PDB file of N, CA and C in Angstrom:
ATOM      1  N   MET A   1       0.990 -53.403  25.720  1.00  0.00           N
ATOM      2  CA  MET A   1      -0.232 -53.522  24.950  1.00  0.00           C
ATOM      3  C   MET A   1      -0.558 -52.223  24.205  1.00  0.00           C
ATOM      4  N   ASP A   2      -0.358 -51.072  24.855  1.00  0.00           N
ATOM      5  CA  ASP A   2      -0.601 -49.779  24.207  1.00  0.00           C
ATOM      6  C   ASP A   2       0.297 -49.596  22.992  1.00  0.00           C
ATOM      7  N   GLN A   3       1.528 -50.054  23.105  1.00  0.00           N
ATOM      8  CA  GLN A   3       2.468 -49.901  21.993  1.00  0.00           C
ATOM      9  C   GLN A   3       2.023 -50.747  20.794  1.00  0.00           C
ATOM     10  N   ILE A   4       1.532 -51.938  21.034  1.00  0.00           N
ATOM     11  CA  ILE A   4       1.042 -52.792  19.948  1.00  0.00           C
ATOM     12  C   ILE A   4      -0.175 -52.147  19.285  1.00  0.00           C
ATOM     13  N   ARG A   5      -1.055 -51.587  20.090  1.00  0.00           N
ATOM     14  CA  ARG A   5      -2.242 -50.909  19.555  1.00  0.00           C
ATOM     15  C   ARG A   5      -1.826 -49.741  18.661  1.00  0.00           C
ATOM     16  N   ARG A   6      -0.854 -48.954  19.085  1.00  0.00           N
ATOM     17  CA  ARG A   6      -0.375 -47.815  18.286  1.00  0.00           C
ATOM     18  C   ARG A   6       0.215 -48.286  16.961  1.00  0.00           C
ATOM     19  N   VAL A   7       0.978 -49.367  16.999  1.00  0.00           N
ATOM     20  CA  VAL A   7       1.585 -49.899  15.778  1.00  0.00           C
ATOM     21  C   VAL A   7       0.497 -50.378  14.816  1.00  0.00           C
ATOM     22  N   ILE A   8      -0.501 -51.065  15.338  1.00  0.00           N
ATOM     23  CA  ILE A   8      -1.599 -51.555  14.497  1.00  0.00           C
ATOM     24  C   ILE A   8      -2.359 -50.388  13.873  1.00  0.00           C
ATOM     25  N   ILE A   9      -2.639 -49.352  14.659  1.00  0.00           N
ATOM     26  CA  ILE A   9      -3.348 -48.172  14.139  1.00  0.00           C
ATOM     27  C   ILE A   9      -2.513 -47.481  13.070  1.00  0.00           C
ATOM     28  N   ALA A  10      -1.212 -47.356  13.309  1.00  0.00           N
ATOM     29  CA  ALA A  10      -0.330 -46.717  12.330  1.00  0.00           C
ATOM     30  C   ALA A  10      -0.279 -47.523  11.037  1.00  0.00           C
ATOM     31  N   LEU A  11      -0.182 -48.841  11.144  1.00  0.00           N
ATOM     32  CA  LEU A  11      -0.163 -49.690   9.952  1.00  0.00           C
ATOM     33  C   LEU A  11      -1.484 -49.612   9.192  1.00  0.00           C
ATOM     34  N   ALA A  12      -2.583 -49.576   9.912  1.00  0.00           N
ATOM     35  CA  ALA A  12      -3.892 -49.454   9.271  1.00  0.00           C
ATOM     36  C   ALA A  12      -4.005 -48.124   8.526  1.00  0.00           C
ATOM     37  N   ALA A  13      -3.513 -47.056   9.132  1.00  0.00           N
ATOM     38  CA  ALA A  13      -3.562 -45.739   8.484  1.00  0.00           C
ATOM     39  C   ALA A  13      -2.729 -45.734   7.206  1.00  0.00           C
ATOM     40  N   VAL A  14      -1.549 -46.332   7.250  1.00  0.00           N
ATOM     41  CA  VAL A  14      -0.695 -46.404   6.063  1.00  0.00           C
ATOM     42  C   VAL A  14      -1.369 -47.238   4.977  1.00  0.00           C
ATOM     43  N   LEU A  15      -1.993 -48.330   5.366  1.00  0.00           N
ATOM     44  CA  LEU A  15      -2.677 -49.194   4.411  1.00  0.00           C
ATOM     45  C   LEU A  15      -3.840 -48.463   3.734  1.00  0.00           C
ATOM     46  N   VAL A  16      -4.628 -47.752   4.513  1.00  0.00           N
ATOM     47  CA  VAL A  16      -5.746 -46.985   3.947  1.00  0.00           C
ATOM     48  C   VAL A  16      -5.219 -45.928   2.992  1.00  0.00           C
ATOM     49  N   TRP A  17      -4.169 -45.216   3.385  1.00  0.00           N
ATOM     50  CA  TRP A  17      -3.584 -44.178   2.533  1.00  0.00           C
ATOM     51  C   TRP A  17      -3.089 -44.775   1.219  1.00  0.00           C
ATOM     52  N   ALA A  18      -2.492 -45.963   1.273  1.00  0.00           N
ATOM     53  CA  ALA A  18      -1.941 -46.597   0.078  1.00  0.00           C
ATOM     54  C   ALA A  18      -3.038 -47.120  -0.849  1.00  0.00           C
ATOM     55  N   LEU A  19      -4.151 -47.559  -0.295  1.00  0.00           N
ATOM     56  CA  LEU A  19      -5.202 -48.169  -1.105  1.00  0.00           C
ATOM     57  C   LEU A  19      -6.197 -47.173  -1.683  1.00  0.00           C
ATOM     58  N   VAL A  20      -6.378 -46.044  -1.027  1.00  0.00           N
ATOM     59  CA  VAL A  20      -7.338 -45.046  -1.500  1.00  0.00           C
ATOM     60  C   VAL A  20      -6.653 -44.197  -2.568  1.00  0.00           C
ATOM     61  N   PRO A  21      -7.237 -44.128  -3.774  1.00  0.00           N
ATOM     62  CA  PRO A  21      -6.608 -43.326  -4.825  1.00  0.00           C
ATOM     63  C   PRO A  21      -6.608 -41.852  -4.447  1.00  0.00           C
ATOM     64  N   ASN A  22      -5.571 -41.174  -4.901  1.00  0.00           N
ATOM     65  CA  ASN A  22      -5.480 -39.733  -4.634  1.00  0.00           C
ATOM     66  C   ASN A  22      -6.630 -39.018  -5.324  1.00  0.00           C
ATOM     67  N   ALA A  23      -7.192 -38.046  -4.650  1.00  0.00           N
ATOM     68  CA  ALA A  23      -8.291 -37.264  -5.222  1.00  0.00           C
ATOM     69  C   ALA A  23      -7.779 -36.492  -6.438  1.00  0.00           C
ATOM     70  N   VAL A  24      -8.575 -36.465  -7.478  1.00  0.00           N
ATOM     71  CA  VAL A  24      -8.209 -35.729  -8.679  1.00  0.00           C
ATOM     72  C   VAL A  24      -8.394 -34.243  -8.395  1.00  0.00           C
ATOM     73  N   GLN A  25      -7.364 -33.477  -8.680  1.00  0.00           N
ATOM     74  CA  GLN A  25      -7.424 -32.041  -8.447  1.00  0.00           C
ATOM     75  C   GLN A  25      -8.128 -31.356  -9.611  1.00  0.00           C
ATOM     76  N   ALA A  26      -9.021 -30.467  -9.288  1.00  0.00           N
ATOM     77  CA  ALA A  26      -9.680 -29.675 -10.326  1.00  0.00           C
ATOM     78  C   ALA A  26      -8.684 -28.655 -10.864  1.00  0.00           C
ATOM     79  N   GLU A  27      -8.794 -28.363 -12.136  1.00  0.00           N
ATOM     80  CA  GLU A  27      -7.918 -27.382 -12.767  1.00  0.00           C
ATOM     81  C   GLU A  27      -8.650 -26.058 -12.934  1.00  0.00           C
ATOM     82  N   GLU A  28      -7.864 -24.993 -13.037  1.00  0.00           N
ATOM     83  CA  GLU A  28      -8.435 -23.683 -13.340  1.00  0.00           C
ATOM     84  C   GLU A  28      -7.936 -23.262 -14.716  1.00  0.00           C
ATOM     85  N   HIS A  29      -8.860 -22.880 -15.578  1.00  0.00           N
ATOM     86  CA  HIS A  29      -8.544 -22.419 -16.925  1.00  0.00           C
ATOM     87  C   HIS A  29      -8.829 -20.922 -16.970  1.00  0.00           C
ATOM     88  N   GLU A  30      -7.945 -20.156 -17.597  1.00  0.00           N
ATOM     89  CA  GLU A  30      -8.126 -18.702 -17.657  1.00  0.00           C
ATOM     90  C   GLU A  30      -8.442 -18.261 -19.076  1.00  0.00           C
ATOM     91  N   LEU A  31      -9.426 -17.395 -19.179  1.00  0.00           N
ATOM     92  CA  LEU A  31      -9.791 -16.775 -20.449  1.00  0.00           C
ATOM     93  C   LEU A  31      -9.824 -15.267 -20.243  1.00  0.00           C
ATOM     94  N   VAL A  32      -9.244 -14.535 -21.178  1.00  0.00           N
ATOM     95  CA  VAL A  32      -9.160 -13.080 -21.078  1.00  0.00           C
ATOM     96  C   VAL A  32     -10.171 -12.443 -22.025  1.00  0.00           C
ATOM     97  N   ILE A  33     -10.926 -11.487 -21.489  1.00  0.00           N
ATOM     98  CA  ILE A  33     -11.877 -10.722 -22.299  1.00  0.00           C
ATOM     99  C   ILE A  33     -11.167  -9.444 -22.732  1.00  0.00           C
ATOM    100  N   THR A  34     -11.046  -9.253 -24.053  1.00  0.00           N
ATOM    101  CA  THR A  34     -10.418  -8.046 -24.585  1.00  0.00           C
ATOM    102  C   THR A  34     -11.446  -7.327 -25.447  1.00  0.00           C
ATOM    103  N   HIS A  35     -12.020  -6.300 -24.901  1.00  0.00           N
ATOM    104  CA  HIS A  35     -13.062  -5.492 -25.520  1.00  0.00           C
ATOM    105  C   HIS A  35     -14.255  -6.355 -25.931  1.00  0.00           C
ATOM    106  N   MET A  36     -14.359  -6.754 -27.191  1.00  0.00           N
ATOM    107  CA  MET A  36     -15.545  -7.483 -27.647  1.00  0.00           C
ATOM    108  C   MET A  36     -15.247  -8.925 -28.043  1.00  0.00           C
ATOM    109  N   GLU A  37     -14.221  -9.519 -27.444  1.00  0.00           N
ATOM    110  CA  GLU A  37     -13.931 -10.918 -27.736  1.00  0.00           C
ATOM    111  C   GLU A  37     -13.282 -11.589 -26.532  1.00  0.00           C
ATOM    112  N   ILE A  38     -13.321 -12.903 -26.555  1.00  0.00           N
ATOM    113  CA  ILE A  38     -12.659 -13.687 -25.523  1.00  0.00           C
ATOM    114  C   ILE A  38     -11.443 -14.319 -26.175  1.00  0.00           C
ATOM    115  N   ALA A  39     -10.266 -13.950 -25.687  1.00  0.00           N
ATOM    116  CA  ALA A  39      -9.023 -14.472 -26.246  1.00  0.00           C
ATOM    117  C   ALA A  39      -8.768 -15.885 -25.731  1.00  0.00           C
ATOM    118  N   GLU A  40      -8.000 -16.654 -26.473  1.00  0.00           N
ATOM    119  CA  GLU A  40      -7.617 -18.028 -26.120  1.00  0.00           C
ATOM    120  C   GLU A  40      -8.833 -18.877 -25.797  1.00  0.00           C
ATOM    121  N   THR A  41      -9.415 -19.386 -26.826  1.00  0.00           N
ATOM    122  CA  THR A  41     -10.634 -20.176 -26.642  1.00  0.00           C
ATOM    123  C   THR A  41     -10.389 -21.672 -26.775  1.00  0.00           C
ATOM    124  N   ASN A  42      -9.147 -22.089 -26.788  1.00  0.00           N
ATOM    125  CA  ASN A  42      -8.822 -23.502 -26.963  1.00  0.00           C
ATOM    126  C   ASN A  42      -8.631 -24.181 -25.604  1.00  0.00           C
ATOM    127  N   ILE A  43      -9.725 -24.356 -24.884  1.00  0.00           N
ATOM    128  CA  ILE A  43      -9.650 -25.015 -23.583  1.00  0.00           C
ATOM    129  C   ILE A  43     -10.513 -26.268 -23.602  1.00  0.00           C
ATOM    130  N   ARG A  44     -10.216 -27.190 -22.721  1.00  0.00           N
ATOM    131  CA  ARG A  44     -11.001 -28.434 -22.606  1.00  0.00           C
ATOM    132  C   ARG A  44     -11.146 -28.773 -21.124  1.00  0.00           C
ATOM    133  N   PRO A  45     -11.962 -27.999 -20.407  1.00  0.00           N
ATOM    134  CA  PRO A  45     -12.138 -28.273 -18.977  1.00  0.00           C
ATOM    135  C   PRO A  45     -12.964 -29.527 -18.744  1.00  0.00           C
ATOM    136  N   LYS A  46     -12.862 -30.033 -17.542  1.00  0.00           N
ATOM    137  CA  LYS A  46     -13.652 -31.187 -17.119  1.00  0.00           C
ATOM    138  C   LYS A  46     -14.674 -30.723 -16.089  1.00  0.00           C
ATOM    139  N   VAL A  47     -15.698 -31.524 -15.891  1.00  0.00           N
ATOM    140  CA  VAL A  47     -16.684 -31.224 -14.850  1.00  0.00           C
ATOM    141  C   VAL A  47     -15.936 -31.097 -13.522  1.00  0.00           C
ATOM    142  N   GLY A  48     -16.210 -30.027 -12.799  1.00  0.00           N
ATOM    143  CA  GLY A  48     -15.528 -29.758 -11.537  1.00  0.00           C
ATOM    144  C   GLY A  48     -14.400 -28.759 -11.671  1.00  0.00           C
ATOM    145  N   ASP A  49     -13.861 -28.587 -12.889  1.00  0.00           N
ATOM    146  CA  ASP A  49     -12.844 -27.565 -13.123  1.00  0.00           C
ATOM    147  C   ASP A  49     -13.496 -26.190 -13.059  1.00  0.00           C
ATOM    148  N   THR A  50     -12.666 -25.166 -12.961  1.00  0.00           N
ATOM    149  CA  THR A  50     -13.174 -23.802 -13.001  1.00  0.00           C
ATOM    150  C   THR A  50     -12.604 -23.077 -14.213  1.00  0.00           C
ATOM    151  N   VAL A  51     -13.387 -22.147 -14.717  1.00  0.00           N
ATOM    152  CA  VAL A  51     -12.940 -21.269 -15.791  1.00  0.00           C
ATOM    153  C   VAL A  51     -12.983 -19.855 -15.234  1.00  0.00           C
ATOM    154  N   LYS A  52     -11.833 -19.206 -15.249  1.00  0.00           N
ATOM    155  CA  LYS A  52     -11.711 -17.840 -14.736  1.00  0.00           C
ATOM    156  C   LYS A  52     -11.711 -16.880 -15.922  1.00  0.00           C
ATOM    157  N   PHE A  53     -12.672 -15.959 -15.928  1.00  0.00           N
ATOM    158  CA  PHE A  53     -12.796 -14.953 -16.969  1.00  0.00           C
ATOM    159  C   PHE A  53     -12.210 -13.649 -16.434  1.00  0.00           C
ATOM    160  N   ILE A  54     -11.168 -13.155 -17.092  1.00  0.00           N
ATOM    161  CA  ILE A  54     -10.470 -11.945 -16.664  1.00  0.00           C
ATOM    162  C   ILE A  54     -10.849 -10.820 -17.619  1.00  0.00           C
ATOM    163  N   ASN A  55     -11.493  -9.782 -17.095  1.00  0.00           N
ATOM    164  CA  ASN A  55     -11.939  -8.669 -17.936  1.00  0.00           C
ATOM    165  C   ASN A  55     -10.823  -7.639 -18.061  1.00  0.00           C
ATOM    166  N   GLN A  56     -10.106  -7.686 -19.188  1.00  0.00           N
ATOM    167  CA  GLN A  56      -9.066  -6.693 -19.464  1.00  0.00           C
ATOM    168  C   GLN A  56      -9.575  -5.600 -20.399  1.00  0.00           C
ATOM    169  N   ALA A  57     -10.859  -5.612 -20.655  1.00  0.00           N
ATOM    170  CA  ALA A  57     -11.465  -4.576 -21.488  1.00  0.00           C
ATOM    171  C   ALA A  57     -11.703  -3.323 -20.646  1.00  0.00           C
ATOM    172  N   ASP A  58     -11.996  -2.233 -21.312  1.00  0.00           N
ATOM    173  CA  ASP A  58     -12.289  -0.990 -20.591  1.00  0.00           C
ATOM    174  C   ASP A  58     -13.793  -0.780 -20.429  1.00  0.00           C
ATOM    175  N   ILE A  59     -14.554  -1.851 -20.639  1.00  0.00           N
ATOM    176  CA  ILE A  59     -16.007  -1.801 -20.481  1.00  0.00           C
ATOM    177  C   ILE A  59     -16.468  -2.995 -19.649  1.00  0.00           C
ATOM    178  N   ALA A  60     -17.662  -2.878 -19.085  1.00  0.00           N
ATOM    179  CA  ALA A  60     -18.228  -3.968 -18.280  1.00  0.00           C
ATOM    180  C   ALA A  60     -18.813  -5.045 -19.186  1.00  0.00           C
ATOM    181  N   HIS A  61     -18.834  -6.259 -18.665  1.00  0.00           N
ATOM    182  CA  HIS A  61     -19.447  -7.389 -19.353  1.00  0.00           C
ATOM    183  C   HIS A  61     -20.314  -8.149 -18.357  1.00  0.00           C
ATOM    184  N   ASN A  62     -21.174  -8.990 -18.874  1.00  0.00           N
ATOM    185  CA  ASN A  62     -22.013  -9.843 -18.026  1.00  0.00           C
ATOM    186  C   ASN A  62     -22.124 -11.199 -18.722  1.00  0.00           C
ATOM    187  N   LEU A  63     -21.162 -12.063 -18.433  1.00  0.00           N
ATOM    188  CA  LEU A  63     -21.090 -13.353 -19.111  1.00  0.00           C
ATOM    189  C   LEU A  63     -22.032 -14.372 -18.491  1.00  0.00           C
ATOM    190  N   TYR A  64     -22.445 -15.305 -19.325  1.00  0.00           N
ATOM    191  CA  TYR A  64     -23.229 -16.443 -18.846  1.00  0.00           C
ATOM    192  C   TYR A  64     -22.861 -17.662 -19.672  1.00  0.00           C
ATOM    193  N   LEU A  65     -22.975 -18.830 -19.074  1.00  0.00           N
ATOM    194  CA  LEU A  65     -22.688 -20.096 -19.732  1.00  0.00           C
ATOM    195  C   LEU A  65     -24.001 -20.833 -19.940  1.00  0.00           C
ATOM    196  N   THR A  66     -24.184 -21.414 -21.111  1.00  0.00           N
ATOM    197  CA  THR A  66     -25.355 -22.235 -21.387  1.00  0.00           C
ATOM    198  C   THR A  66     -24.884 -23.645 -21.717  1.00  0.00           C
ATOM    199  N   TYR A  67     -25.411 -24.615 -20.968  1.00  0.00           N
ATOM    200  CA  TYR A  67     -25.079 -26.022 -21.188  1.00  0.00           C
ATOM    201  C   TYR A  67     -26.049 -26.632 -22.195  1.00  0.00           C
ATOM    202  N   GLU A  68     -25.700 -27.801 -22.708  1.00  0.00           N
ATOM    203  CA  GLU A  68     -26.527 -28.472 -23.728  1.00  0.00           C
ATOM    204  C   GLU A  68     -27.957 -28.709 -23.278  1.00  0.00           C
ATOM    205  N   ASP A  69     -28.153 -28.934 -21.973  1.00  0.00           N
ATOM    206  CA  ASP A  69     -29.516 -29.204 -21.484  1.00  0.00           C
ATOM    207  C   ASP A  69     -30.318 -27.928 -21.247  1.00  0.00           C
ATOM    208  N   GLY A  70     -29.734 -26.763 -21.588  1.00  0.00           N
ATOM    209  CA  GLY A  70     -30.429 -25.492 -21.432  1.00  0.00           C
ATOM    210  C   GLY A  70     -30.168 -24.782 -20.118  1.00  0.00           C
ATOM    211  N   THR A  71     -29.453 -25.422 -19.215  1.00  0.00           N
ATOM    212  CA  THR A  71     -29.116 -24.792 -17.939  1.00  0.00           C
ATOM    213  C   THR A  71     -28.221 -23.584 -18.187  1.00  0.00           C
ATOM    214  N   VAL A  72     -28.530 -22.476 -17.512  1.00  0.00           N
ATOM    215  CA  VAL A  72     -27.755 -21.246 -17.655  1.00  0.00           C
ATOM    216  C   VAL A  72     -27.061 -20.941 -16.334  1.00  0.00           C
ATOM    217  N   GLN A  73     -25.791 -20.603 -16.430  1.00  0.00           N
ATOM    218  CA  GLN A  73     -24.992 -20.206 -15.267  1.00  0.00           C
ATOM    219  C   GLN A  73     -24.562 -18.755 -15.493  1.00  0.00           C
ATOM    220  N   ASN A  74     -25.121 -17.829 -14.710  1.00  0.00           N
ATOM    221  CA  ASN A  74     -24.878 -16.400 -14.881  1.00  0.00           C
ATOM    222  C   ASN A  74     -23.725 -15.954 -13.990  1.00  0.00           C
ATOM    223  N   LEU A  75     -22.786 -15.187 -14.556  1.00  0.00           N
ATOM    224  CA  LEU A  75     -21.643 -14.698 -13.786  1.00  0.00           C
ATOM    225  C   LEU A  75     -21.827 -13.268 -13.290  1.00  0.00           C
ATOM    226  N   ASP A  76     -22.954 -12.661 -13.578  1.00  0.00           N
ATOM    227  CA  ASP A  76     -23.252 -11.289 -13.145  1.00  0.00           C
ATOM    228  C   ASP A  76     -22.298 -10.283 -13.777  1.00  0.00           C
ATOM    229  N   THR A  77     -22.479  -9.019 -13.435  1.00  0.00           N
ATOM    230  CA  THR A  77     -21.704  -7.947 -14.053  1.00  0.00           C
ATOM    231  C   THR A  77     -20.242  -8.029 -13.652  1.00  0.00           C
ATOM    232  N   GLN A  78     -19.402  -7.852 -14.653  1.00  0.00           N
ATOM    233  CA  GLN A  78     -17.956  -7.919 -14.469  1.00  0.00           C
ATOM    234  C   GLN A  78     -17.361  -6.614 -14.994  1.00  0.00           C
ATOM    235  N   PHE A  79     -16.967  -5.762 -14.074  1.00  0.00           N
ATOM    236  CA  PHE A  79     -16.418  -4.459 -14.442  1.00  0.00           C
ATOM    237  C   PHE A  79     -14.971  -4.602 -14.909  1.00  0.00           C
ATOM    238  N   PRO A  80     -14.431  -3.588 -15.602  1.00  0.00           N
ATOM    239  CA  PRO A  80     -13.044  -3.659 -16.066  1.00  0.00           C
ATOM    240  C   PRO A  80     -12.094  -3.998 -14.912  1.00  0.00           C
ATOM    241  N   GLY A  81     -11.170  -4.907 -15.198  1.00  0.00           N
ATOM    242  CA  GLY A  81     -10.188  -5.313 -14.195  1.00  0.00           C
ATOM    243  C   GLY A  81     -10.649  -6.437 -13.278  1.00  0.00           C
ATOM    244  N   MET A  82     -11.930  -6.778 -13.315  1.00  0.00           N
ATOM    245  CA  MET A  82     -12.460  -7.837 -12.444  1.00  0.00           C
ATOM    246  C   MET A  82     -12.295  -9.208 -13.085  1.00  0.00           C
ATOM    247  N   SER A  83     -12.283 -10.216 -12.227  1.00  0.00           N
ATOM    248  CA  SER A  83     -12.303 -11.610 -12.671  1.00  0.00           C
ATOM    249  C   SER A  83     -13.530 -12.289 -12.084  1.00  0.00           C
ATOM    250  N   LYS A  84     -14.111 -13.177 -12.848  1.00  0.00           N
ATOM    251  CA  LYS A  84     -15.239 -13.998 -12.387  1.00  0.00           C
ATOM    252  C   LYS A  84     -14.902 -15.447 -12.705  1.00  0.00           C
ATOM    253  N   THR A  85     -15.313 -16.337 -11.820  1.00  0.00           N
ATOM    254  CA  THR A  85     -15.006 -17.751 -11.988  1.00  0.00           C
ATOM    255  C   THR A  85     -16.287 -18.567 -12.065  1.00  0.00           C
ATOM    256  N   ALA A  86     -16.302 -19.503 -12.995  1.00  0.00           N
ATOM    257  CA  ALA A  86     -17.433 -20.420 -13.145  1.00  0.00           C
ATOM    258  C   ALA A  86     -16.932 -21.841 -12.945  1.00  0.00           C
ATOM    259  N   LYS A  87     -17.617 -22.592 -12.099  1.00  0.00           N
ATOM    260  CA  LYS A  87     -17.298 -24.010 -11.933  1.00  0.00           C
ATOM    261  C   LYS A  87     -18.110 -24.789 -12.966  1.00  0.00           C
ATOM    262  N   ILE A  88     -17.445 -25.626 -13.737  1.00  0.00           N
ATOM    263  CA  ILE A  88     -18.119 -26.386 -14.789  1.00  0.00           C
ATOM    264  C   ILE A  88     -18.980 -27.463 -14.140  1.00  0.00           C
ATOM    265  N   GLU A  89     -20.278 -27.423 -14.455  1.00  0.00           N
ATOM    266  CA  GLU A  89     -21.256 -28.284 -13.791  1.00  0.00           C
ATOM    267  C   GLU A  89     -21.661 -29.511 -14.599  1.00  0.00           C
ATOM    268  N   ARG A  90     -21.518 -29.443 -15.933  1.00  0.00           N
ATOM    269  CA  ARG A  90     -21.983 -30.543 -16.783  1.00  0.00           C
ATOM    270  C   ARG A  90     -21.016 -30.749 -17.943  1.00  0.00           C
ATOM    271  N   SER A  91     -20.988 -31.973 -18.453  1.00  0.00           N
ATOM    272  CA  SER A  91     -20.161 -32.245 -19.628  1.00  0.00           C
ATOM    273  C   SER A  91     -20.952 -31.909 -20.894  1.00  0.00           C
ATOM    274  N   GLY A  92     -20.223 -31.788 -21.993  1.00  0.00           N
ATOM    275  CA  GLY A  92     -20.845 -31.474 -23.277  1.00  0.00           C
ATOM    276  C   GLY A  92     -20.477 -30.079 -23.741  1.00  0.00           C
ATOM    277  N   LYS A  93     -21.177 -29.626 -24.772  1.00  0.00           N
ATOM    278  CA  LYS A  93     -20.908 -28.301 -25.335  1.00  0.00           C
ATOM    279  C   LYS A  93     -21.386 -27.220 -24.372  1.00  0.00           C
ATOM    280  N   VAL A  94     -20.532 -26.225 -24.171  1.00  0.00           N
ATOM    281  CA  VAL A  94     -20.864 -25.077 -23.329  1.00  0.00           C
ATOM    282  C   VAL A  94     -20.690 -23.823 -24.185  1.00  0.00           C
ATOM    283  N   VAL A  95     -21.708 -22.984 -24.202  1.00  0.00           N
ATOM    284  CA  VAL A  95     -21.657 -21.731 -24.958  1.00  0.00           C
ATOM    285  C   VAL A  95     -21.547 -20.584 -23.964  1.00  0.00           C
ATOM    286  N   VAL A  96     -20.583 -19.696 -24.206  1.00  0.00           N
ATOM    287  CA  VAL A  96     -20.384 -18.513 -23.363  1.00  0.00           C
ATOM    288  C   VAL A  96     -20.825 -17.300 -24.160  1.00  0.00           C
ATOM    289  N   ARG A  97     -21.669 -16.473 -23.553  1.00  0.00           N
ATOM    290  CA  ARG A  97     -22.165 -15.252 -24.198  1.00  0.00           C
ATOM    291  C   ARG A  97     -22.136 -14.118 -23.182  1.00  0.00           C
ATOM    292  N   CYS A  98     -22.314 -12.909 -23.670  1.00  0.00           N
ATOM    293  CA  CYS A  98     -22.417 -11.727 -22.816  1.00  0.00           C
ATOM    294  C   CYS A  98     -23.817 -11.148 -22.990  1.00  0.00           C
ATOM    295  N   TRP A  99     -24.514 -10.943 -21.862  1.00  0.00           N
ATOM    296  CA  TRP A  99     -25.861 -10.359 -21.920  1.00  0.00           C
ATOM    297  C   TRP A  99     -25.816  -8.962 -22.527  1.00  0.00           C
ATOM    298  N   ILE A 100     -24.775  -8.205 -22.223  1.00  0.00           N
ATOM    299  CA  ILE A 100     -24.683  -6.809 -22.662  1.00  0.00           C
ATOM    300  C   ILE A 100     -24.253  -6.717 -24.125  1.00  0.00           C
ATOM    301  N   HIS A 101     -23.320  -7.574 -24.521  1.00  0.00           N
ATOM    302  CA  HIS A 101     -22.743  -7.539 -25.870  1.00  0.00           C
ATOM    303  C   HIS A 101     -22.912  -8.909 -26.534  1.00  0.00           C
ATOM    304  N   PRO A 102     -24.046  -9.156 -27.182  1.00  0.00           N
ATOM    305  CA  PRO A 102     -24.311 -10.476 -27.756  1.00  0.00           C
ATOM    306  C   PRO A 102     -23.324 -10.906 -28.839  1.00  0.00           C
ATOM    307  N   VAL A 103     -22.519  -9.965 -29.347  1.00  0.00           N
ATOM    308  CA  VAL A 103     -21.513 -10.322 -30.344  1.00  0.00           C
ATOM    309  C   VAL A 103     -20.425 -11.207 -29.719  1.00  0.00           C
ATOM    310  N   ILE A 104     -20.271 -11.128 -28.406  1.00  0.00           N
ATOM    311  CA  ILE A 104     -19.289 -11.971 -27.717  1.00  0.00           C
ATOM    312  C   ILE A 104     -19.874 -13.367 -27.583  1.00  0.00           C
ATOM    313  N   ARG A 105     -19.159 -14.319 -28.156  1.00  0.00           N
ATOM    314  CA  ARG A 105     -19.633 -15.705 -28.122  1.00  0.00           C
ATOM    315  C   ARG A 105     -18.439 -16.634 -28.274  1.00  0.00           C
ATOM    316  N   MET A 106     -18.412 -17.674 -27.484  1.00  0.00           N
ATOM    317  CA  MET A 106     -17.410 -18.725 -27.638  1.00  0.00           C
ATOM    318  C   MET A 106     -18.012 -20.043 -27.198  1.00  0.00           C
ATOM    319  N   GLU A 107     -17.437 -21.130 -27.641  1.00  0.00           N
ATOM    320  CA  GLU A 107     -17.886 -22.467 -27.252  1.00  0.00           C
ATOM    321  C   GLU A 107     -16.680 -23.284 -26.817  1.00  0.00           C
ATOM    322  N   PHE A 108     -16.924 -24.214 -25.913  1.00  0.00           N
ATOM    323  CA  PHE A 108     -15.918 -25.225 -25.599  1.00  0.00           C
ATOM    324  C   PHE A 108     -16.640 -26.496 -25.187  1.00  0.00           C
ATOM    325  N   ASP A 109     -15.937 -27.592 -25.270  1.00  0.00           N
ATOM    326  CA  ASP A 109     -16.484 -28.883 -24.854  1.00  0.00           C
ATOM    327  C   ASP A 109     -15.957 -29.216 -23.475  1.00  0.00           C
ATOM    328  N   ALA A 110     -16.852 -29.501 -22.558  1.00  0.00           N
ATOM    329  CA  ALA A 110     -16.476 -29.911 -21.204  1.00  0.00           C
ATOM    330  C   ALA A 110     -16.525 -31.434 -21.136  1.00  0.00           C
ATOM    331  N   ALA A 111     -15.458 -32.014 -20.639  1.00  0.00           N
ATOM    332  CA  ALA A 111     -15.363 -33.471 -20.533  1.00  0.00           C
ATOM    333  C   ALA A 111     -15.878 -33.935 -19.178  1.00  0.00           C
ATOM    334  N   ASP A 112     -16.227 -35.205 -19.101  1.00  0.00           N
ATOM    335  CA  ASP A 112     -16.597 -35.797 -17.815  1.00  0.00           C
ATOM    336  C   ASP A 112     -15.386 -35.786 -16.895  1.00  0.00           C
ATOM    337  N   ALA A 113     -15.630 -35.684 -15.600  1.00  0.00           N
ATOM    338  CA  ALA A 113     -14.543 -35.757 -14.626  1.00  0.00           C
ATOM    339  C   ALA A 113     -13.967 -37.166 -14.642  1.00  0.00           C
ATOM    340  N   ASP A 114     -12.696 -37.257 -14.329  1.00  0.00           N
ATOM    341  CA  ASP A 114     -12.047 -38.587 -14.280  1.00  0.00           C
ATOM    342  C   ASP A 114     -12.575 -39.433 -13.161  1.00  0.00           C
TER     343      ASP A 114
END
């Protein structure tokens, strides 16, 4: 009887694994800050993805993201050589700016998660 129970449990586990879709993995997108600009701005992240900002400049930056609904996501001060990561919270247009250097500006469109 124990052996039959084990077989039934094993079959049920396989069935659940086969029927439940695999979780969608979030992607990480990298953007490099070079002095007063953000290089490679052609990204299309989805909600739940992360964007990693790598400061290769010789000065500090303080980036923030603004979503279409006005929500602001602040990444705090980022010294030379540091990386900061932002998890994308909403779909739509996202504007990236630097509190310290307002000349730094980029936009990207965030898509809905699958």
